[in-house]
PDB file of N, CA and C in Angstrom:
ATOM      1  N   MET A   1       0.835  -1.154   0.000  1.00  0.00           N
ATOM      2  CA  MET A   1       0.000   0.000   0.000  1.00  0.00           C
ATOM      3  C   MET A   1       0.903   1.248   0.000  1.00  0.00           C
ATOM      4  N   ALA A   2       0.587   2.204  -0.838  1.00  0.00           N
ATOM      5  CA  ALA A   2       1.373   3.424  -0.953  1.00  0.00           C
ATOM      6  C   ALA A   2       0.717   4.557  -0.179  1.00  0.00           C
ATOM      7  N   ILE A   3       1.532   5.434   0.326  1.00  0.00           N
ATOM      8  CA  ILE A   3       1.039   6.623   1.026  1.00  0.00           C
ATOM      9  C   ILE A   3       1.378   7.831   0.175  1.00  0.00           C
ATOM     10  N   ILE A   4       0.387   8.664  -0.082  1.00  0.00           N
ATOM     11  CA  ILE A   4       0.607   9.857  -0.893  1.00  0.00           C
ATOM     12  C   ILE A   4       0.574  11.070   0.025  1.00  0.00           C
ATOM     13  N   THR A   5       1.584  11.907  -0.112  1.00  0.00           N
ATOM     14  CA  THR A   5       1.658  13.115   0.701  1.00  0.00           C
ATOM     15  C   THR A   5       2.226  14.240  -0.139  1.00  0.00           C
ATOM     16  N   ASN A   6       1.911  15.464   0.223  1.00  0.00           N
ATOM     17  CA  ASN A   6       2.486  16.598  -0.499  1.00  0.00           C
ATOM     18  C   ASN A   6       3.573  17.295   0.318  1.00  0.00           C
ATOM     19  N   ARG A   7       3.994  16.661   1.406  1.00  0.00           N
ATOM     20  CA  ARG A   7       5.092  17.206   2.208  1.00  0.00           C
ATOM     21  C   ARG A   7       6.414  16.900   1.530  1.00  0.00           C
ATOM     22  N   PRO A   8       7.345  17.847   1.541  1.00  0.00           N
ATOM     23  CA  PRO A   8       8.671  17.555   0.992  1.00  0.00           C
ATOM     24  C   PRO A   8       9.352  16.459   1.811  1.00  0.00           C
ATOM     25  N   LEU A   9      10.190  15.712   1.166  1.00  0.00           N
ATOM     26  CA  LEU A   9      10.916  14.634   1.832  1.00  0.00           C
ATOM     27  C   LEU A   9      11.729  15.204   2.986  1.00  0.00           C
ATOM     28  N   GLY A  10      11.597  14.664   4.156  1.00  0.00           N
ATOM     29  CA  GLY A  10      12.355  15.097   5.314  1.00  0.00           C
ATOM     30  C   GLY A  10      11.736  16.266   6.052  1.00  0.00           C
ATOM     31  N   ALA A  11      10.573  16.746   5.601  1.00  0.00           N
ATOM     32  CA  ALA A  11       9.944  17.897   6.257  1.00  0.00           C
ATOM     33  C   ALA A  11       9.543  17.523   7.675  1.00  0.00           C
ATOM     34  N   GLY A  12       9.893  18.375   8.615  1.00  0.00           N
ATOM     35  CA  GLY A  12       9.505  18.146   9.990  1.00  0.00           C
ATOM     36  C   GLY A  12      10.414  17.220  10.764  1.00  0.00           C
ATOM     37  N   PHE A  13      11.434  16.695  10.142  1.00  0.00           N
ATOM     38  CA  PHE A  13      12.347  15.798  10.827  1.00  0.00           C
ATOM     39  C   PHE A  13      13.609  16.551  11.215  1.00  0.00           C
ATOM     40  N   GLY A  14      13.582  17.159  12.387  1.00  0.00           N
ATOM     41  CA  GLY A  14      14.737  17.912  12.878  1.00  0.00           C
ATOM     42  C   GLY A  14      15.965  17.032  13.037  1.00  0.00           C
ATOM     43  N   ALA A  15      15.738  15.778  13.415  1.00  0.00           N
ATOM     44  CA  ALA A  15      16.861  14.859  13.606  1.00  0.00           C
ATOM     45  C   ALA A  15      17.581  14.601  12.284  1.00  0.00           C
ATOM     46  N   THR A  16      16.825  14.543  11.193  1.00  0.00           N
ATOM     47  CA  THR A  16      17.438  14.314   9.881  1.00  0.00           C
ATOM     48  C   THR A  16      18.342  15.477   9.502  1.00  0.00           C
ATOM     49  N   ARG A  17      17.842  16.678   9.725  1.00  0.00           N
ATOM     50  CA  ARG A  17      18.655  17.866   9.419  1.00  0.00           C
ATOM     51  C   ARG A  17      19.877  17.938  10.313  1.00  0.00           C
ATOM     52  N   LEU A  18      19.692  17.621  11.584  1.00  0.00           N
ATOM     53  CA  LEU A  18      20.809  17.639  12.532  1.00  0.00           C
ATOM     54  C   LEU A  18      21.872  16.637  12.116  1.00  0.00           C
ATOM     55  N   LEU A  19      21.441  15.442  11.760  1.00  0.00           N
ATOM     56  CA  LEU A  19      22.388  14.412  11.329  1.00  0.00           C
ATOM     57  C   LEU A  19      23.128  14.842  10.069  1.00  0.00           C
ATOM     58  N   ALA A  20      22.416  15.442   9.125  1.00  0.00           N
ATOM     59  CA  ALA A  20      23.054  15.918   7.895  1.00  0.00           C
ATOM     60  C   ALA A  20      24.084  16.995   8.217  1.00  0.00           C
ATOM     61  N   GLU A  21      23.758  17.881   9.139  1.00  0.00           N
ATOM     62  CA  GLU A  21      24.687  18.941   9.548  1.00  0.00           C
ATOM     63  C   GLU A  21      25.938  18.355  10.203  1.00  0.00           C
ATOM     64  N   VAL A  22      25.749  17.383  11.072  1.00  0.00           N
ATOM     65  CA  VAL A  22      26.883  16.742  11.746  1.00  0.00           C
ATOM     66  C   VAL A  22      27.784  16.053  10.732  1.00  0.00           C
ATOM     67  N   PHE A  23      27.198  15.274   9.831  1.00  0.00           N
ATOM     68  CA  PHE A  23      27.998  14.580   8.826  1.00  0.00           C
ATOM     69  C   PHE A  23      28.682  15.571   7.888  1.00  0.00           C
ATOM     70  N   GLY A  24      28.018  16.667   7.566  1.00  0.00           N
ATOM     71  CA  GLY A  24      28.631  17.695   6.724  1.00  0.00           C
ATOM     72  C   GLY A  24      29.838  18.322   7.388  1.00  0.00           C
ATOM     73  N   ARG A  25      29.716  18.605   8.678  1.00  0.00           N
ATOM     74  CA  ARG A  25      30.851  19.193   9.408  1.00  0.00           C
ATOM     75  C   ARG A  25      32.011  18.218   9.522  1.00  0.00           C
ATOM     76  N   ILE A  26      31.694  16.956   9.741  1.00  0.00           N
ATOM     77  CA  ILE A  26      32.754  15.937   9.817  1.00  0.00           C
ATOM     78  C   ILE A  26      33.457  15.820   8.466  1.00  0.00           C
ATOM     79  N   ALA A  27      32.716  15.820   7.390  1.00  0.00           N
ATOM     80  CA  ALA A  27      33.306  15.725   6.056  1.00  0.00           C
ATOM     81  C   ALA A  27      34.181  16.944   5.769  1.00  0.00           C
ATOM     82  N   ALA A  28      33.733  18.137   6.144  1.00  0.00           N
ATOM     83  CA  ALA A  28      34.524  19.354   5.933  1.00  0.00           C
ATOM     84  C   ALA A  28      35.799  19.319   6.760  1.00  0.00           C
ATOM     85  N   TRP A  29      35.695  18.860   8.005  1.00  0.00           N
ATOM     86  CA  TRP A  29      36.876  18.749   8.860  1.00  0.00           C
ATOM     87  C   TRP A  29      37.875  17.769   8.251  1.00  0.00           C
ATOM     88  N   ASN A  30      37.368  16.640   7.752  1.00  0.00           N
ATOM     89  CA  ASN A  30      38.258  15.642   7.170  1.00  0.00           C
ATOM     90  C   ASN A  30      38.917  16.162   5.890  1.00  0.00           C
ATOM     91  N   ASP A  31      38.175  16.882   5.064  1.00  0.00           N
ATOM     92  CA  ASP A  31      38.759  17.466   3.850  1.00  0.00           C
ATOM     93  C   ASP A  31      39.894  18.424   4.210  1.00  0.00           C
ATOM     94  N   ALA A  32      39.677  19.249   5.222  1.00  0.00           N
ATOM     95  CA  ALA A  32      40.711  20.195   5.656  1.00  0.00           C
ATOM     96  C   ALA A  32      41.927  19.443   6.201  1.00  0.00           C
ATOM     97  N   ARG A  33      41.683  18.375   6.937  1.00  0.00           N
ATOM     98  CA  ARG A  33      42.775  17.580   7.499  1.00  0.00           C
ATOM     99  C   ARG A  33      43.621  16.944   6.398  1.00  0.00           C
ATOM    100  N   VAL A  34      42.964  16.379   5.394  1.00  0.00           N
ATOM    101  CA  VAL A  34      43.673  15.733   4.292  1.00  0.00           C
ATOM    102  C   VAL A  34      44.468  16.772   3.497  1.00  0.00           C
ATOM    103  N   THR A  35      43.865  17.929   3.247  1.00  0.00           N
ATOM    104  CA  THR A  35      44.546  18.998   2.520  1.00  0.00           C
ATOM    105  C   THR A  35      45.775  19.458   3.285  1.00  0.00           C
ATOM    106  N   ARG A  36      45.602  19.697   4.593  1.00  0.00           N
ATOM    107  CA  ARG A  36      46.718  20.154   5.431  1.00  0.00           C
ATOM    108  C   ARG A  36      47.856  19.121   5.429  1.00  0.00           C
ATOM    109  N   LYS A  37      47.491  17.850   5.556  1.00  0.00           N
ATOM    110  CA  LYS A  37      48.495  16.785   5.589  1.00  0.00           C
ATOM    111  C   LYS A  37      49.240  16.681   4.254  1.00  0.00           C
ATOM    112  N   SER A  38      48.499  16.769   3.154  1.00  0.00           N
ATOM    113  CA  SER A  38      49.121  16.660   1.829  1.00  0.00           C
ATOM    114  C   SER A  38      50.068  17.820   1.552  1.00  0.00           C
ATOM    115  N   LEU A  39      49.623  19.032   1.858  1.00  0.00           N
ATOM    116  CA  LEU A  39      50.482  20.194   1.607  1.00  0.00           C
ATOM    117  C   LEU A  39      51.684  20.214   2.547  1.00  0.00           C
ATOM    118  N   SER A  40      51.499  19.759   3.771  1.00  0.00           N
ATOM    119  CA  SER A  40      52.604  19.726   4.722  1.00  0.00           C
ATOM    120  C   SER A  40      53.679  18.733   4.313  1.00  0.00           C
ATOM    121  N   ALA A  41      53.305  17.726   3.545  1.00  0.00           N
ATOM    122  CA  ALA A  41      54.260  16.712   3.099  1.00  0.00           C
ATOM    123  C   ALA A  41      55.157  17.228   1.973  1.00  0.00           C
ATOM    124  N   LEU A  42      54.772  18.337   1.335  1.00  0.00           N
ATOM    125  CA  LEU A  42      55.585  18.888   0.247  1.00  0.00           C
ATOM    126  C   LEU A  42      56.810  19.607   0.799  1.00  0.00           C
ATOM    127  N   THR A  43      57.866  19.624   0.004  1.00  0.00           N
ATOM    128  CA  THR A  43      59.060  20.376   0.396  1.00  0.00           C
ATOM    129  C   THR A  43      58.816  21.865   0.164  1.00  0.00           C
ATOM    130  N   ASP A  44      59.683  22.688   0.750  1.00  0.00           N
ATOM    131  CA  ASP A  44      59.565  24.133   0.546  1.00  0.00           C
ATOM    132  C   ASP A  44      59.682  24.480  -0.937  1.00  0.00           C
ATOM    133  N   ARG A  45      60.520  23.764  -1.651  1.00  0.00           N
ATOM    134  CA  ARG A  45      60.698  24.001  -3.086  1.00  0.00           C
ATOM    135  C   ARG A  45      59.407  23.683  -3.858  1.00  0.00           C
ATOM    136  N   GLU A  46      58.787  22.559  -3.511  1.00  0.00           N
ATOM    137  CA  GLU A  46      57.542  22.186  -4.184  1.00  0.00           C
ATOM    138  C   GLU A  46      56.432  23.202  -3.893  1.00  0.00           C
ATOM    139  N   LEU A  47      56.366  23.669  -2.654  1.00  0.00           N
ATOM    140  CA  LEU A  47      55.382  24.706  -2.318  1.00  0.00           C
ATOM    141  C   LEU A  47      55.666  25.979  -3.100  1.00  0.00           C
ATOM    142  N   GLU A  48      56.944  26.330  -3.216  1.00  0.00           N
ATOM    143  CA  GLU A  48      57.326  27.528  -3.966  1.00  0.00           C
ATOM    144  C   GLU A  48      56.913  27.395  -5.433  1.00  0.00           C
ATOM    145  N   ASP A  49      57.041  26.202  -5.983  1.00  0.00           N
ATOM    146  CA  ASP A  49      56.614  25.968  -7.368  1.00  0.00           C
ATOM    147  C   ASP A  49      55.114  26.224  -7.541  1.00  0.00           C
ATOM    148  N   LEU A  50      54.360  26.013  -6.482  1.00  0.00           N
ATOM    149  CA  LEU A  50      52.921  26.258  -6.504  1.00  0.00           C
ATOM    150  C   LEU A  50      52.581  27.704  -6.143  1.00  0.00           C
ATOM    151  N   GLY A  51      53.597  28.469  -5.788  1.00  0.00           N
ATOM    152  CA  GLY A  51      53.376  29.865  -5.400  1.00  0.00           C
ATOM    153  C   GLY A  51      52.905  29.991  -3.964  1.00  0.00           C
ATOM    154  N   LEU A  52      53.292  29.026  -3.135  1.00  0.00           N
ATOM    155  CA  LEU A  52      52.860  29.010  -1.739  1.00  0.00           C
ATOM    156  C   LEU A  52      54.049  28.986  -0.796  1.00  0.00           C
ATOM    157  N   VAL A  53      53.780  29.324   0.444  1.00  0.00           N
ATOM    158  CA  VAL A  53      54.756  29.159   1.527  1.00  0.00           C
ATOM    159  C   VAL A  53      54.067  28.369   2.634  1.00  0.00           C
ATOM    160  N   ARG A  54      54.849  27.851   3.562  1.00  0.00           N
ATOM    161  CA  ARG A  54      54.278  27.021   4.634  1.00  0.00           C
ATOM    162  C   ARG A  54      53.175  27.735   5.399  1.00  0.00           C
ATOM    163  N   GLY A  55      53.310  29.031   5.577  1.00  0.00           N
ATOM    164  CA  GLY A  55      52.313  29.792   6.316  1.00  0.00           C
ATOM    165  C   GLY A  55      50.948  29.843   5.645  1.00  0.00           C
ATOM    166  N   ASP A  56      50.887  29.496   4.377  1.00  0.00           N
ATOM    167  CA  ASP A  56      49.619  29.512   3.640  1.00  0.00           C
ATOM    168  C   ASP A  56      48.787  28.247   3.865  1.00  0.00           C
ATOM    169  N   ILE A  57      49.395  27.200   4.372  1.00  0.00           N
ATOM    170  CA  ILE A  57      48.743  25.889   4.444  1.00  0.00           C
ATOM    171  C   ILE A  57      47.459  25.928   5.271  1.00  0.00           C
ATOM    172  N   ASP A  58      47.511  26.528   6.457  1.00  0.00           N
ATOM    173  CA  ASP A  58      46.300  26.565   7.300  1.00  0.00           C
ATOM    174  C   ASP A  58      45.177  27.357   6.636  1.00  0.00           C
ATOM    175  N   ASP A  59      45.533  28.477   5.988  1.00  0.00           N
ATOM    176  CA  ASP A  59      44.510  29.271   5.300  1.00  0.00           C
ATOM    177  C   ASP A  59      43.874  28.483   4.158  1.00  0.00           C
ATOM    178  N   ILE A  60      44.682  27.738   3.439  1.00  0.00           N
ATOM    179  CA  ILE A  60      44.160  26.930   2.337  1.00  0.00           C
ATOM    180  C   ILE A  60      43.225  25.848   2.878  1.00  0.00           C
ATOM    181  N   ALA A  61      43.634  25.183   3.957  1.00  0.00           N
ATOM    182  CA  ALA A  61      42.816  24.121   4.541  1.00  0.00           C
ATOM    183  C   ALA A  61      41.485  24.679   5.067  1.00  0.00           C
ATOM    184  N   ARG A  62      41.507  25.893   5.609  1.00  0.00           N
ATOM    185  CA  ARG A  62      40.279  26.520   6.115  1.00  0.00           C
ATOM    186  C   ARG A  62      39.422  27.091   4.999  1.00  0.00           C
ATOM    187  N   GLY A  63      40.014  27.266   3.812  1.00  0.00           N
ATOM    188  CA  GLY A  63      39.292  27.827   2.690  1.00  0.00           C
ATOM    189  C   GLY A  63      39.272  29.345   2.711  1.00  0.00           C
ATOM    190  N   THR A  64      40.197  29.950   3.450  1.00  0.00           N
ATOM    191  CA  THR A  64      40.241  31.405   3.568  1.00  0.00           C
ATOM    192  C   THR A  64      41.438  32.014   2.837  1.00  0.00           C
ATOM    193  N   TYR A  65      42.172  31.202   2.104  1.00  0.00           N
ATOM    194  CA  TYR A  65      43.374  31.688   1.404  1.00  0.00           C
ATOM    195  C   TYR A  65      42.979  32.574   0.240  1.00  0.00           C
ATOM    196  N   GLN A  66      43.644  33.729   0.166  1.00  0.00           N
ATOM    197  CA  GLN A  66      43.445  34.621  -0.964  1.00  0.00           C
ATOM    198  C   GLN A  66      44.823  34.964  -1.527  1.00  0.00           C
ATOM    199  N   ARG A  67      44.964  34.702  -2.802  1.00  0.00           N
ATOM    200  CA  ARG A  67      46.245  34.955  -3.464  1.00  0.00           C
ATOM    201  C   ARG A  67      46.496  36.455  -3.460  1.00  0.00           C
ATOM    202  N   GLY A  68      47.666  36.840  -2.975  1.00  0.00           N
ATOM    203  CA  GLY A  68      47.965  38.266  -2.832  1.00  0.00           C
ATOM    204  C   GLY A  68      48.824  38.739  -3.881  1.00  0.00           C
TER     205      GLY A  68
END
């Protein structure tokens, strides 16, 4: 038997939104961690080839880096 409704999927489910927010934050944290780890593994010369210095790594991982 099918149920027909005109409510959007997930409407009224605060727990669903909360869970999505938590998983989104975890995924963003992990992306930043992987980026930071990968860039930190490069030599100063390799970073220079990319136009970066070590001090830029945290800004890049946070997504706040602006090329000056």
